[in-house]
């Protein structure tokens, strides 16, 4: 690939804004036209982006990981220490 080639970013239908106990998260799942692996990114209300380290083989698996993380760790999984102090103290 050279500098003149454009990589197309593809957003499946599973991207969504999610409300969790009065707080909003933007869930973005995307891939490129050159790599079929899906990336899971969650942006919290402070505009902090959390990108999961490992790609997923399908968008549905990325969404399941988001749901599992919320179930196990709650909103705090997507906040920095400073953001947690602002919200919970």
C-alpha atoms as a PDB file:
ATOM      1  CA  UNK A   1       0.000   0.000   0.000  1.00  0.00           C
ATOM      2  CA  UNK A   2       1.323   3.434  -0.804  1.00  0.00           C
ATOM      3  CA  UNK A   3       0.493   6.868   0.569  1.00  0.00           C
ATOM      4  CA  UNK A   4      -2.025   7.526  -2.215  1.00  0.00           C
ATOM      5  CA  UNK A   5      -4.234   4.562  -1.271  1.00  0.00           C
ATOM      6  CA  UNK A   6      -7.224   5.362   0.920  1.00  0.00           C
ATOM      7  CA  UNK A   7      -8.346   2.851   3.501  1.00  0.00           C
ATOM      8  CA  UNK A   8     -12.101   2.682   3.871  1.00  0.00           C
ATOM      9  CA  UNK A   9     -13.423   2.385   7.422  1.00  0.00           C
ATOM     10  CA  UNK A  10     -16.595   0.306   7.647  1.00  0.00           C
ATOM     11  CA  UNK A  11     -19.066   0.733  10.534  1.00  0.00           C
ATOM     12  CA  UNK A  12     -21.467  -2.216  10.983  1.00  0.00           C
ATOM     13  CA  UNK A  13     -25.021  -1.683  12.238  1.00  0.00           C
ATOM     14  CA  UNK A  14     -24.056  -2.504  15.837  1.00  0.00           C
ATOM     15  CA  UNK A  15     -22.670   0.970  16.582  1.00  0.00           C
ATOM     16  CA  UNK A  16     -24.898   2.720  19.105  1.00  0.00           C
ATOM     17  CA  UNK A  17     -25.275   5.300  21.831  1.00  0.00           C
ATOM     18  CA  UNK A  18     -26.010   3.461  25.075  1.00  0.00           C
ATOM     19  CA  UNK A  19     -27.392   4.838  28.339  1.00  0.00           C
ATOM     20  CA  UNK A  20     -26.170   3.209  31.548  1.00  0.00           C
ATOM     21  CA  UNK A  21     -27.610   4.535  34.835  1.00  0.00           C
ATOM     22  CA  UNK A  22     -27.982   8.034  33.416  1.00  0.00           C
ATOM     23  CA  UNK A  23     -24.575   8.069  31.734  1.00  0.00           C
ATOM     24  CA  UNK A  24     -24.061   7.767  28.004  1.00  0.00           C
ATOM     25  CA  UNK A  25     -21.527   5.707  26.104  1.00  0.00           C
ATOM     26  CA  UNK A  26     -20.924   5.644  22.379  1.00  0.00           C
ATOM     27  CA  UNK A  27     -20.078   2.158  21.170  1.00  0.00           C
ATOM     28  CA  UNK A  28     -18.259   2.027  17.869  1.00  0.00           C
ATOM     29  CA  UNK A  29     -17.360  -1.208  16.144  1.00  0.00           C
ATOM     30  CA  UNK A  30     -15.443  -0.850  12.917  1.00  0.00           C
ATOM     31  CA  UNK A  31     -13.110  -2.524  10.467  1.00  0.00           C
ATOM     32  CA  UNK A  32     -11.310  -1.537   7.309  1.00  0.00           C
ATOM     33  CA  UNK A  33     -11.628  -2.773   3.774  1.00  0.00           C
ATOM     34  CA  UNK A  34      -8.138  -4.301   4.062  1.00  0.00           C
ATOM     35  CA  UNK A  35      -8.588  -6.088   7.419  1.00  0.00           C
ATOM     36  CA  UNK A  36     -11.759  -8.002   8.325  1.00  0.00           C
ATOM     37  CA  UNK A  37     -11.040  -7.862  12.080  1.00  0.00           C
ATOM     38  CA  UNK A  38     -13.401  -5.654  14.074  1.00  0.00           C
ATOM     39  CA  UNK A  39     -12.200  -3.047  16.554  1.00  0.00           C
ATOM     40  CA  UNK A  40     -14.293  -2.184  19.609  1.00  0.00           C
ATOM     41  CA  UNK A  41     -14.113   1.402  20.845  1.00  0.00           C
ATOM     42  CA  UNK A  42     -16.199   2.916  23.635  1.00  0.00           C
ATOM     43  CA  UNK A  43     -16.324   6.679  24.164  1.00  0.00           C
ATOM     44  CA  UNK A  44     -17.618   7.878  27.523  1.00  0.00           C
ATOM     45  CA  UNK A  45     -19.377  11.128  28.439  1.00  0.00           C
ATOM     46  CA  UNK A  46     -16.037  12.825  29.097  1.00  0.00           C
ATOM     47  CA  UNK A  47     -15.027  12.074  25.469  1.00  0.00           C
ATOM     48  CA  UNK A  48     -12.443   9.541  26.635  1.00  0.00           C
ATOM     49  CA  UNK A  49     -11.933   6.758  24.112  1.00  0.00           C
ATOM     50  CA  UNK A  50     -11.321   3.198  25.269  1.00  0.00           C
ATOM     51  CA  UNK A  51     -10.170   0.832  22.520  1.00  0.00           C
ATOM     52  CA  UNK A  52     -10.057  -2.864  23.321  1.00  0.00           C
ATOM     53  CA  UNK A  53      -6.600  -4.319  22.698  1.00  0.00           C
ATOM     54  CA  UNK A  54      -7.541  -7.390  20.712  1.00  0.00           C
ATOM     55  CA  UNK A  55      -9.586  -7.307  17.506  1.00  0.00           C
ATOM     56  CA  UNK A  56     -12.671  -9.476  17.068  1.00  0.00           C
ATOM     57  CA  UNK A  57     -13.430 -11.794  14.168  1.00  0.00           C
ATOM     58  CA  UNK A  58     -16.994 -10.473  13.916  1.00  0.00           C
ATOM     59  CA  UNK A  59     -18.933  -7.390  14.940  1.00  0.00           C
ATOM     60  CA  UNK A  60     -21.374  -9.472  16.994  1.00  0.00           C
ATOM     61  CA  UNK A  61     -18.518 -10.797  19.124  1.00  0.00           C
ATOM     62  CA  UNK A  62     -17.306  -7.248  19.730  1.00  0.00           C
ATOM     63  CA  UNK A  63     -20.808  -6.236  20.849  1.00  0.00           C
ATOM     64  CA  UNK A  64     -21.001  -9.274  23.159  1.00  0.00           C
ATOM     65  CA  UNK A  65     -17.693  -8.222  24.735  1.00  0.00           C
ATOM     66  CA  UNK A  66     -19.087  -4.730  25.354  1.00  0.00           C
ATOM     67  CA  UNK A  67     -22.203  -6.187  27.003  1.00  0.00           C
ATOM     68  CA  UNK A  68     -20.160  -8.607  29.103  1.00  0.00           C
ATOM     69  CA  UNK A  69     -17.855  -5.822  30.275  1.00  0.00           C
ATOM     70  CA  UNK A  70     -20.812  -3.664  31.315  1.00  0.00           C
ATOM     71  CA  UNK A  71     -22.400  -6.604  33.136  1.00  0.00           C
ATOM     72  CA  UNK A  72     -19.211  -7.542  34.993  1.00  0.00           C
ATOM     73  CA  UNK A  73     -17.625  -4.131  35.638  1.00  0.00           C
ATOM     74  CA  UNK A  74     -20.332  -1.556  34.999  1.00  0.00           C
ATOM     75  CA  UNK A  75     -19.754   1.964  33.745  1.00  0.00           C
ATOM     76  CA  UNK A  76     -16.502   2.189  35.701  1.00  0.00           C
ATOM     77  CA  UNK A  77     -14.794  -0.023  33.109  1.00  0.00           C
ATOM     78  CA  UNK A  78     -14.941   2.889  30.681  1.00  0.00           C
ATOM     79  CA  UNK A  79     -13.741   5.669  33.000  1.00  0.00           C
ATOM     80  CA  UNK A  80     -10.318   6.912  34.042  1.00  0.00           C
ATOM     81  CA  UNK A  81      -9.513   7.224  37.757  1.00  0.00           C
ATOM     82  CA  UNK A  82     -10.127  10.971  37.620  1.00  0.00           C
ATOM     83  CA  UNK A  83     -13.486  10.493  35.874  1.00  0.00           C
ATOM     84  CA  UNK A  84     -14.511   7.907  38.475  1.00  0.00           C
ATOM     85  CA  UNK A  85     -13.756  10.382  41.283  1.00  0.00           C
ATOM     86  CA  UNK A  86     -15.842  13.062  39.556  1.00  0.00           C
ATOM     87  CA  UNK A  87     -18.829  10.775  39.129  1.00  0.00           C
ATOM     88  CA  UNK A  88     -18.823   8.615  42.223  1.00  0.00           C
ATOM     89  CA  UNK A  89     -17.480  10.842  45.018  1.00  0.00           C
END
